[in-house]
Amino acid sequence: MKINVFENGSKSKLIAMIVEDTGNERELVRTEKGRDDLLNKIDDMGLSYITVEFK
């Protein structure tokens, strides 16, 4: 399992997609406050053990 992060317009608008080992992908979280906010939201969900890639 991994989390891919994509920019949506500008660098501060980010969308995190969780990708399962089967290849299924779904939206996890969005933010307009930048990388730190996004990583904090992922941590708050208890998912900080999953690898995060910024694409």
PDB file of N, CA and C in Angstrom:
ATOM      1  N   MET A   1       0.851  -1.171   0.000  1.00  0.00           N
ATOM      2  CA  MET A   1       0.000   0.000   0.000  1.00  0.00           C
ATOM      3  C   MET A   1       0.897   1.233   0.000  1.00  0.00           C
ATOM      4  N   LYS A   2       0.463   2.276  -0.708  1.00  0.00           N
ATOM      5  CA  LYS A   2       1.207   3.534  -0.724  1.00  0.00           C
ATOM      6  C   LYS A   2       0.233   4.686  -0.928  1.00  0.00           C
ATOM      7  N   ILE A   3       0.730   5.884  -0.726  1.00  0.00           N
ATOM      8  CA  ILE A   3      -0.073   7.087  -0.929  1.00  0.00           C
ATOM      9  C   ILE A   3       0.640   7.949  -1.959  1.00  0.00           C
ATOM     10  N   ASN A   4      -0.065   8.281  -3.035  1.00  0.00           N
ATOM     11  CA  ASN A   4       0.456   9.188  -4.056  1.00  0.00           C
ATOM     12  C   ASN A   4      -0.198  10.545  -3.889  1.00  0.00           C
ATOM     13  N   VAL A   5       0.602  11.598  -3.974  1.00  0.00           N
ATOM     14  CA  VAL A   5       0.094  12.963  -3.821  1.00  0.00           C
ATOM     15  C   VAL A   5       0.297  13.710  -5.129  1.00  0.00           C
ATOM     16  N   PHE A   6      -0.767  14.360  -5.588  1.00  0.00           N
ATOM     17  CA  PHE A   6      -0.745  15.109  -6.839  1.00  0.00           C
ATOM     18  C   PHE A   6      -1.109  16.565  -6.580  1.00  0.00           C
ATOM     19  N   GLU A   7      -0.519  17.461  -7.371  1.00  0.00           N
ATOM     20  CA  GLU A   7      -0.862  18.878  -7.299  1.00  0.00           C
ATOM     21  C   GLU A   7      -2.126  19.110  -8.109  1.00  0.00           C
ATOM     22  N   ASN A   8      -2.981  19.967  -7.598  1.00  0.00           N
ATOM     23  CA  ASN A   8      -4.223  20.320  -8.280  1.00  0.00           C
ATOM     24  C   ASN A   8      -4.196  21.817  -8.560  1.00  0.00           C
ATOM     25  N   GLY A   9      -3.519  22.209  -9.608  1.00  0.00           N
ATOM     26  CA  GLY A   9      -3.427  23.621  -9.957  1.00  0.00           C
ATOM     27  C   GLY A   9      -2.152  24.255  -9.458  1.00  0.00           C
ATOM     28  N   SER A  10      -2.062  24.498  -8.161  1.00  0.00           N
ATOM     29  CA  SER A  10      -0.851  25.108  -7.598  1.00  0.00           C
ATOM     30  C   SER A  10      -0.243  24.151  -6.583  1.00  0.00           C
ATOM     31  N   LYS A  11       0.965  24.462  -6.132  1.00  0.00           N
ATOM     32  CA  LYS A  11       1.651  23.573  -5.196  1.00  0.00           C
ATOM     33  C   LYS A  11       0.958  23.483  -3.846  1.00  0.00           C
ATOM     34  N   SER A  12       0.113  24.456  -3.516  1.00  0.00           N
ATOM     35  CA  SER A  12      -0.561  24.407  -2.225  1.00  0.00           C
ATOM     36  C   SER A  12      -1.840  23.573  -2.270  1.00  0.00           C
ATOM     37  N   LYS A  13      -2.379  23.295  -3.468  1.00  0.00           N
ATOM     38  CA  LYS A  13      -3.584  22.475  -3.593  1.00  0.00           C
ATOM     39  C   LYS A  13      -3.158  21.047  -3.917  1.00  0.00           C
ATOM     40  N   LEU A  14      -3.325  20.160  -2.939  1.00  0.00           N
ATOM     41  CA  LEU A  14      -2.837  18.790  -3.067  1.00  0.00           C
ATOM     42  C   LEU A  14      -3.953  17.782  -2.852  1.00  0.00           C
ATOM     43  N   ILE A  15      -3.861  16.661  -3.559  1.00  0.00           N
ATOM     44  CA  ILE A  15      -4.795  15.547  -3.406  1.00  0.00           C
ATOM     45  C   ILE A  15      -3.979  14.294  -3.123  1.00  0.00           C
ATOM     46  N   ALA A  16      -4.320  13.597  -2.050  1.00  0.00           N
ATOM     47  CA  ALA A  16      -3.654  12.336  -1.713  1.00  0.00           C
ATOM     48  C   ALA A  16      -4.563  11.182  -2.115  1.00  0.00           C
ATOM     49  N   MET A  17      -3.980  10.242  -2.866  1.00  0.00           N
ATOM     50  CA  MET A  17      -4.695   9.046  -3.301  1.00  0.00           C
ATOM     51  C   MET A  17      -4.040   7.840  -2.643  1.00  0.00           C
ATOM     52  N   ILE A  18      -4.850   6.974  -2.042  1.00  0.00           N
ATOM     53  CA  ILE A  18      -4.299   5.753  -1.454  1.00  0.00           C
ATOM     54  C   ILE A  18      -4.380   4.649  -2.508  1.00  0.00           C
ATOM     55  N   VAL A  19      -3.260   3.959  -2.687  1.00  0.00           N
ATOM     56  CA  VAL A  19      -3.164   2.895  -3.688  1.00  0.00           C
ATOM     57  C   VAL A  19      -2.949   1.578  -2.953  1.00  0.00           C
ATOM     58  N   GLU A  20      -3.905   0.668  -3.111  1.00  0.00           N
ATOM     59  CA  GLU A  20      -3.805  -0.636  -2.463  1.00  0.00           C
ATOM     60  C   GLU A  20      -2.854  -1.536  -3.243  1.00  0.00           C
ATOM     61  N   ASP A  21      -2.443  -2.623  -2.638  1.00  0.00           N
ATOM     62  CA  ASP A  21      -1.536  -3.572  -3.294  1.00  0.00           C
ATOM     63  C   ASP A  21      -2.142  -4.163  -4.558  1.00  0.00           C
ATOM     64  N   THR A  22      -3.471  -4.185  -4.643  1.00  0.00           N
ATOM     65  CA  THR A  22      -4.162  -4.707  -5.824  1.00  0.00           C
ATOM     66  C   THR A  22      -4.182  -3.706  -6.968  1.00  0.00           C
ATOM     67  N   GLY A  23      -3.774  -2.462  -6.690  1.00  0.00           N
ATOM     68  CA  GLY A  23      -3.772  -1.417  -7.701  1.00  0.00           C
ATOM     69  C   GLY A  23      -4.988  -0.505  -7.621  1.00  0.00           C
ATOM     70  N   ASN A  24      -5.973  -0.875  -6.797  1.00  0.00           N
ATOM     71  CA  ASN A  24      -7.146  -0.015  -6.618  1.00  0.00           C
ATOM     72  C   ASN A  24      -6.718   1.298  -5.980  1.00  0.00           C
ATOM     73  N   GLU A  25      -7.290   2.399  -6.469  1.00  0.00           N
ATOM     74  CA  GLU A  25      -6.899   3.733  -6.026  1.00  0.00           C
ATOM     75  C   GLU A  25      -8.149   4.512  -5.643  1.00  0.00           C
ATOM     76  N   ARG A  26      -8.069   5.247  -4.533  1.00  0.00           N
ATOM     77  CA  ARG A  26      -9.188   6.107  -4.127  1.00  0.00           C
ATOM     78  C   ARG A  26      -8.647   7.347  -3.435  1.00  0.00           C
ATOM     79  N   GLU A  27      -9.452   8.388  -3.487  1.00  0.00           N
ATOM     80  CA  GLU A  27      -9.031   9.641  -2.862  1.00  0.00           C
ATOM     81  C   GLU A  27      -9.060   9.496  -1.351  1.00  0.00           C
ATOM     82  N   LEU A  28      -7.995   9.971  -0.731  1.00  0.00           N
ATOM     83  CA  LEU A  28      -7.867   9.888   0.721  1.00  0.00           C
ATOM     84  C   LEU A  28      -8.175  11.229   1.376  1.00  0.00           C
ATOM     85  N   VAL A  29      -7.523  12.288   0.898  1.00  0.00           N
ATOM     86  CA  VAL A  29      -7.693  13.608   1.515  1.00  0.00           C
ATOM     87  C   VAL A  29      -7.236  14.693   0.537  1.00  0.00           C
ATOM     88  N   ARG A  30      -7.790  15.898   0.705  1.00  0.00           N
ATOM     89  CA  ARG A  30      -7.393  17.080  -0.070  1.00  0.00           C
ATOM     90  C   ARG A  30      -7.024  18.193   0.887  1.00  0.00           C
ATOM     91  N   THR A  31      -6.163  19.086   0.423  1.00  0.00           N
ATOM     92  CA  THR A  31      -5.834  20.278   1.214  1.00  0.00           C
ATOM     93  C   THR A  31      -5.441  21.416   0.281  1.00  0.00           C
ATOM     94  N   GLU A  32      -5.624  22.606   0.759  1.00  0.00           N
ATOM     95  CA  GLU A  32      -5.180  23.800   0.035  1.00  0.00           C
ATOM     96  C   GLU A  32      -4.133  24.546   0.850  1.00  0.00           C
ATOM     97  N   LYS A  33      -3.580  23.885   1.876  1.00  0.00           N
ATOM     98  CA  LYS A  33      -2.643  24.538   2.787  1.00  0.00           C
ATOM     99  C   LYS A  33      -1.218  24.013   2.673  1.00  0.00           C
ATOM    100  N   GLY A  34      -0.940  23.189   1.666  1.00  0.00           N
ATOM    101  CA  GLY A  34       0.437  22.743   1.455  1.00  0.00           C
ATOM    102  C   GLY A  34       0.767  21.372   2.012  1.00  0.00           C
ATOM    103  N   ARG A  35       2.033  20.999   1.801  1.00  0.00           N
ATOM    104  CA  ARG A  35       2.522  19.653   2.153  1.00  0.00           C
ATOM    105  C   ARG A  35       2.424  19.335   3.628  1.00  0.00           C
ATOM    106  N   ASP A  36       2.838  20.270   4.480  1.00  0.00           N
ATOM    107  CA  ASP A  36       2.828  20.004   5.920  1.00  0.00           C
ATOM    108  C   ASP A  36       1.420  19.688   6.415  1.00  0.00           C
ATOM    109  N   ASP A  37       0.441  20.457   5.938  1.00  0.00           N
ATOM    110  CA  ASP A  37      -0.947  20.223   6.335  1.00  0.00           C
ATOM    111  C   ASP A  37      -1.414  18.848   5.865  1.00  0.00           C
ATOM    112  N   LEU A  38      -1.064  18.499   4.634  1.00  0.00           N
ATOM    113  CA  LEU A  38      -1.461  17.196   4.093  1.00  0.00           C
ATOM    114  C   LEU A  38      -0.846  16.056   4.906  1.00  0.00           C
ATOM    115  N   LEU A  39       0.440  16.159   5.188  1.00  0.00           N
ATOM    116  CA  LEU A  39       1.109  15.117   5.980  1.00  0.00           C
ATOM    117  C   LEU A  39       0.535  15.032   7.395  1.00  0.00           C
ATOM    118  N   ASN A  40       0.160  16.164   7.974  1.00  0.00           N
ATOM    119  CA  ASN A  40      -0.465  16.159   9.302  1.00  0.00           C
ATOM    120  C   ASN A  40      -1.823  15.454   9.264  1.00  0.00           C
ATOM    121  N   LYS A  41      -2.593  15.677   8.198  1.00  0.00           N
ATOM    122  CA  LYS A  41      -3.897  15.012   8.063  1.00  0.00           C
ATOM    123  C   LYS A  41      -3.725  13.504   7.926  1.00  0.00           C
ATOM    124  N   ILE A  42      -2.730  13.076   7.149  1.00  0.00           N
ATOM    125  CA  ILE A  42      -2.455  11.648   6.994  1.00  0.00           C
ATOM    126  C   ILE A  42      -2.044  11.056   8.340  1.00  0.00           C
ATOM    127  N   ASP A  43      -1.223  11.770   9.095  1.00  0.00           N
ATOM    128  CA  ASP A  43      -0.799  11.323  10.420  1.00  0.00           C
ATOM    129  C   ASP A  43      -1.997  11.229  11.367  1.00  0.00           C
ATOM    130  N   ASP A  44      -2.892  12.217  11.315  1.00  0.00           N
ATOM    131  CA  ASP A  44      -4.090  12.215  12.163  1.00  0.00           C
ATOM    132  C   ASP A  44      -4.991  11.014  11.871  1.00  0.00           C
ATOM    133  N   MET A  45      -4.951  10.510  10.639  1.00  0.00           N
ATOM    134  CA  MET A  45      -5.743   9.332  10.260  1.00  0.00           C
ATOM    135  C   MET A  45      -5.071   8.033  10.708  1.00  0.00           C
ATOM    136  N   GLY A  46      -3.870   8.127  11.271  1.00  0.00           N
ATOM    137  CA  GLY A  46      -3.144   6.949  11.707  1.00  0.00           C
ATOM    138  C   GLY A  46      -2.486   6.192  10.563  1.00  0.00           C
ATOM    139  N   LEU A  47      -2.220   6.893   9.454  1.00  0.00           N
ATOM    140  CA  LEU A  47      -1.654   6.253   8.270  1.00  0.00           C
ATOM    141  C   LEU A  47      -0.220   6.686   7.984  1.00  0.00           C
ATOM    142  N   SER A  48       0.459   7.223   8.985  1.00  0.00           N
ATOM    143  CA  SER A  48       1.808   7.742   8.754  1.00  0.00           C
ATOM    144  C   SER A  48       2.833   6.643   8.473  1.00  0.00           C
ATOM    145  N   TYR A  49       2.466   5.386   8.690  1.00  0.00           N
ATOM    146  CA  TYR A  49       3.391   4.271   8.406  1.00  0.00           C
ATOM    147  C   TYR A  49       3.446   3.930   6.913  1.00  0.00           C
ATOM    148  N   ILE A  50       2.511   4.477   6.121  1.00  0.00           N
ATOM    149  CA  ILE A  50       2.451   4.190   4.677  1.00  0.00           C
ATOM    150  C   ILE A  50       3.363   5.172   3.945  1.00  0.00           C
ATOM    151  N   THR A  51       4.097   4.674   2.960  1.00  0.00           N
ATOM    152  CA  THR A  51       4.991   5.506   2.147  1.00  0.00           C
ATOM    153  C   THR A  51       4.185   6.522   1.355  1.00  0.00           C
ATOM    154  N   VAL A  52       4.626   7.791   1.397  1.00  0.00           N
ATOM    155  CA  VAL A  52       3.982   8.879   0.661  1.00  0.00           C
ATOM    156  C   VAL A  52       4.917   9.346  -0.437  1.00  0.00           C
ATOM    157  N   GLU A  53       4.410   9.391  -1.676  1.00  0.00           N
ATOM    158  CA  GLU A  53       5.179   9.874  -2.815  1.00  0.00           C
ATOM    159  C   GLU A  53       4.505  11.115  -3.383  1.00  0.00           C
ATOM    160  N   PHE A  54       5.317  12.172  -3.586  1.00  0.00           N
ATOM    161  CA  PHE A  54       4.812  13.380  -4.228  1.00  0.00           C
ATOM    162  C   PHE A  54       5.138  13.280  -5.705  1.00  0.00           C
ATOM    163  N   LYS A  55       4.109  13.293  -6.531  1.00  0.00           N
ATOM    164  CA  LYS A  55       4.284  13.123  -7.985  1.00  0.00           C
ATOM    165  C   LYS A  55       4.262  14.456  -8.687  1.00  0.00           C
TER     166      LYS A  55
END
